[in-house]
């Protein structure tokens, strides 16, 4: 069964490679993929920013620790 499937796929592949419309379509598809990849890669470089990690002191600079803010009990 596997051998039959491989033979069928190879036959169809050979037919496709002998078809000028298929070759033209494949080249157009390859060109579109390359263009899309270049546009995506070019756009990512300009948008990417290096972000510096904040220290805990920078994150919690507004908080007061060691004092109970709410005097009510639960």
N, C-alpha and C. Protein backbone atom coordinates (compact mmCIF):
# COMPACT_ATOMS: atom_id res chain seq x y z
N UNK A 1 0.82 -1.19 0.00
CA UNK A 1 0.00 0.00 0.00
C UNK A 1 0.87 1.25 0.00
N UNK A 2 1.87 1.30 0.83
CA UNK A 2 2.75 2.46 0.88
C UNK A 2 3.50 2.61 -0.43
N UNK A 3 3.96 1.52 -0.97
CA UNK A 3 4.69 1.56 -2.24
C UNK A 3 3.80 2.09 -3.36
N UNK A 4 2.54 1.69 -3.37
CA UNK A 4 1.60 2.17 -4.39
C UNK A 4 1.38 3.68 -4.26
N UNK A 5 1.27 4.14 -3.05
CA UNK A 5 1.07 5.57 -2.80
C UNK A 5 2.29 6.37 -3.27
N UNK A 6 3.48 5.87 -2.96
CA UNK A 6 4.70 6.56 -3.39
C UNK A 6 4.79 6.60 -4.91
N UNK A 7 4.47 5.50 -5.55
CA UNK A 7 4.49 5.46 -7.02
C UNK A 7 3.48 6.44 -7.61
N UNK A 8 2.29 6.50 -7.03
CA UNK A 8 1.26 7.42 -7.52
C UNK A 8 1.70 8.87 -7.34
N UNK A 9 2.27 9.20 -6.20
CA UNK A 9 2.73 10.57 -5.94
C UNK A 9 3.85 10.93 -6.91
N UNK A 10 4.77 10.01 -7.15
CA UNK A 10 5.86 10.28 -8.09
C UNK A 10 5.35 10.50 -9.50
N UNK A 11 4.35 9.71 -9.91
CA UNK A 11 3.75 9.90 -11.24
C UNK A 11 3.11 11.27 -11.36
N UNK A 12 2.35 11.66 -10.34
CA UNK A 12 1.69 12.97 -10.36
C UNK A 12 2.70 14.11 -10.31
N UNK A 13 3.78 13.92 -9.56
CA UNK A 13 4.83 14.93 -9.48
C UNK A 13 5.48 15.12 -10.85
N UNK A 14 5.75 14.02 -11.55
CA UNK A 14 6.34 14.11 -12.88
C UNK A 14 5.40 14.82 -13.86
N UNK A 15 4.11 14.53 -13.77
CA UNK A 15 3.14 15.20 -14.63
C UNK A 15 3.13 16.69 -14.35
N UNK A 16 3.17 17.07 -13.09
CA UNK A 16 3.15 18.49 -12.72
C UNK A 16 4.40 19.19 -13.22
N UNK A 17 5.55 18.54 -13.11
CA UNK A 17 6.79 19.17 -13.55
C UNK A 17 6.86 19.31 -15.07
N UNK A 18 6.07 18.57 -15.79
CA UNK A 18 6.02 18.69 -17.25
C UNK A 18 4.98 19.69 -17.71
N UNK A 19 4.21 20.24 -16.79
CA UNK A 19 3.15 21.20 -17.12
C UNK A 19 3.67 22.64 -16.97
N UNK A 20 3.72 23.41 -18.08
CA UNK A 20 4.24 24.78 -18.00
C UNK A 20 3.41 25.68 -17.07
N UNK A 21 2.11 25.45 -16.99
CA UNK A 21 1.27 26.26 -16.10
C UNK A 21 1.65 26.03 -14.64
N UNK A 22 1.95 24.78 -14.30
CA UNK A 22 2.36 24.46 -12.94
C UNK A 22 3.69 25.12 -12.61
N UNK A 23 4.64 25.07 -13.53
CA UNK A 23 5.95 25.67 -13.32
C UNK A 23 5.81 27.18 -13.12
N UNK A 24 4.99 27.82 -13.95
CA UNK A 24 4.78 29.27 -13.84
C UNK A 24 4.12 29.61 -12.50
N UNK A 25 3.14 28.82 -12.10
CA UNK A 25 2.46 29.04 -10.83
C UNK A 25 3.42 28.85 -9.65
N UNK A 26 4.26 27.85 -9.73
CA UNK A 26 5.22 27.59 -8.66
C UNK A 26 6.23 28.73 -8.53
N UNK A 27 6.68 29.27 -9.66
CA UNK A 27 7.63 30.39 -9.62
C UNK A 27 6.96 31.64 -9.05
N UNK A 28 5.72 31.88 -9.41
CA UNK A 28 4.99 33.04 -8.87
C UNK A 28 4.79 32.88 -7.36
N UNK A 29 4.50 31.66 -6.94
CA UNK A 29 4.31 31.40 -5.51
C UNK A 29 5.62 31.61 -4.75
N UNK A 30 6.71 31.14 -5.30
CA UNK A 30 8.02 31.32 -4.67
C UNK A 30 8.37 32.81 -4.56
N UNK A 31 8.08 33.55 -5.60
CA UNK A 31 8.36 34.99 -5.59
C UNK A 31 7.52 35.69 -4.52
N UNK A 32 6.26 35.32 -4.42
CA UNK A 32 5.38 35.92 -3.42
C UNK A 32 5.85 35.60 -2.01
N UNK A 33 6.29 34.38 -1.79
CA UNK A 33 6.80 34.00 -0.47
C UNK A 33 8.06 34.78 -0.12
N UNK A 34 8.95 34.93 -1.08
CA UNK A 34 10.18 35.70 -0.84
C UNK A 34 9.88 37.15 -0.54
N UNK A 35 8.94 37.74 -1.27
CA UNK A 35 8.56 39.13 -1.04
C UNK A 35 7.95 39.29 0.34
N UNK A 36 7.06 38.38 0.70
CA UNK A 36 6.42 38.43 2.01
C UNK A 36 7.44 38.27 3.12
N UNK A 37 8.39 37.37 2.95
CA UNK A 37 9.41 37.14 3.96
C UNK A 37 10.29 38.38 4.12
N UNK A 38 10.64 39.03 3.02
CA UNK A 38 11.46 40.23 3.09
C UNK A 38 10.70 41.36 3.76
N UNK A 39 9.44 41.51 3.45
CA UNK A 39 8.64 42.57 4.06
C UNK A 39 8.47 42.33 5.55
N UNK A 40 8.26 41.09 5.94
CA UNK A 40 8.07 40.76 7.34
C UNK A 40 9.37 40.97 8.11
N UNK A 41 10.47 40.49 7.56
CA UNK A 41 11.76 40.62 8.24
C UNK A 41 12.17 42.09 8.32
N UNK A 42 11.91 42.87 7.30
CA UNK A 42 12.27 44.29 7.31
C UNK A 42 11.44 45.06 8.31
N UNK A 43 10.17 44.73 8.44
CA UNK A 43 9.29 45.42 9.37
C UNK A 43 9.62 45.10 10.81
N UNK A 44 10.05 43.91 11.07
CA UNK A 44 10.35 43.50 12.45
C UNK A 44 11.58 44.23 12.98
N UNK A 45 12.57 44.47 12.14
CA UNK A 45 13.78 45.10 12.61
C UNK A 45 13.52 46.52 13.09
N UNK A 46 12.66 47.24 12.39
CA UNK A 46 12.43 48.62 12.75
C UNK A 46 11.53 48.75 13.99
N UNK A 47 10.67 47.78 14.22
CA UNK A 47 9.74 47.85 15.34
C UNK A 47 10.33 47.31 16.64
N UNK A 48 11.31 46.44 16.52
CA UNK A 48 11.85 45.80 17.71
C UNK A 48 12.65 46.81 18.54
N UNK A 49 12.37 46.83 19.83
CA UNK A 49 13.09 47.71 20.74
C UNK A 49 13.69 46.86 21.85
N UNK A 50 14.85 47.27 22.27
CA UNK A 50 15.48 46.59 23.39
C UNK A 50 14.94 47.20 24.67
N UNK A 51 14.39 46.36 25.52
CA UNK A 51 13.79 46.85 26.75
C UNK A 51 14.68 46.49 27.93
N UNK A 52 14.98 47.48 28.72
CA UNK A 52 15.80 47.26 29.91
C UNK A 52 14.89 46.76 31.02
N UNK A 53 15.30 45.69 31.66
CA UNK A 53 14.53 45.16 32.77
C UNK A 53 14.58 46.14 33.94
N UNK A 54 13.44 46.32 34.57
CA UNK A 54 13.37 47.22 35.72
C UNK A 54 13.77 46.47 36.99
N UNK A 55 14.42 47.18 37.86
CA UNK A 55 14.74 46.57 39.15
C UNK A 55 13.50 46.61 40.03
N UNK A 56 13.51 45.84 41.10
CA UNK A 56 12.36 45.85 42.02
C UNK A 56 12.19 47.23 42.65
N UNK A 57 13.28 47.92 42.89
CA UNK A 57 13.19 49.27 43.46
C UNK A 57 12.46 50.22 42.51
N UNK A 58 12.69 50.07 41.22
CA UNK A 58 12.00 50.92 40.25
C UNK A 58 10.52 50.56 40.16
N UNK A 59 10.22 49.28 40.26
CA UNK A 59 8.83 48.85 40.16
C UNK A 59 8.02 49.30 41.36
N UNK A 60 8.59 49.18 42.57
CA UNK A 60 7.85 49.47 43.79
C UNK A 60 8.26 50.78 44.44
N UNK A 61 8.73 51.75 43.65
CA UNK A 61 9.19 53.02 44.23
C UNK A 61 8.05 53.78 44.92
N UNK A 62 6.83 53.59 44.53
CA UNK A 62 5.69 54.32 45.10
C UNK A 62 5.11 53.63 46.34
N UNK A 63 5.50 52.40 46.57
CA UNK A 63 4.94 51.63 47.69
C UNK A 63 5.72 51.90 48.97
N UNK A 64 5.00 51.83 50.08
CA UNK A 64 5.63 51.99 51.39
C UNK A 64 5.52 50.66 52.12
N UNK A 65 6.65 50.09 52.43
CA UNK A 65 6.68 48.80 53.11
C UNK A 65 7.02 49.02 54.59
N UNK A 66 6.56 48.12 55.42
CA UNK A 66 6.87 48.19 56.83
C UNK A 66 5.83 48.93 57.64
N UNK A 67 4.91 49.58 57.00
CA UNK A 67 3.84 50.29 57.69
C UNK A 67 2.53 49.70 57.24
N UNK A 68 1.62 49.56 58.19
CA UNK A 68 0.32 49.01 57.85
C UNK A 68 -0.54 50.14 57.34
N UNK A 69 -0.96 50.09 56.09
CA UNK A 69 -1.73 51.17 55.48
C UNK A 69 -3.15 51.16 56.01
N UNK A 70 -3.71 50.00 56.29
CA UNK A 70 -5.10 49.90 56.74
C UNK A 70 -5.10 49.45 58.20
N UNK A 71 -5.69 50.22 59.06
CA UNK A 71 -5.67 49.89 60.50
C UNK A 71 -6.83 49.00 60.90
N UNK A 72 -7.76 48.74 60.02
CA UNK A 72 -8.90 47.90 60.38
C UNK A 72 -8.45 46.44 60.44
N UNK A 73 -9.15 45.67 61.26
CA UNK A 73 -8.84 44.25 61.37
C UNK A 73 -9.89 43.45 60.62
N UNK A 74 -9.50 42.30 60.23
CA UNK A 74 -10.42 41.44 59.48
C UNK A 74 -11.03 40.41 60.36
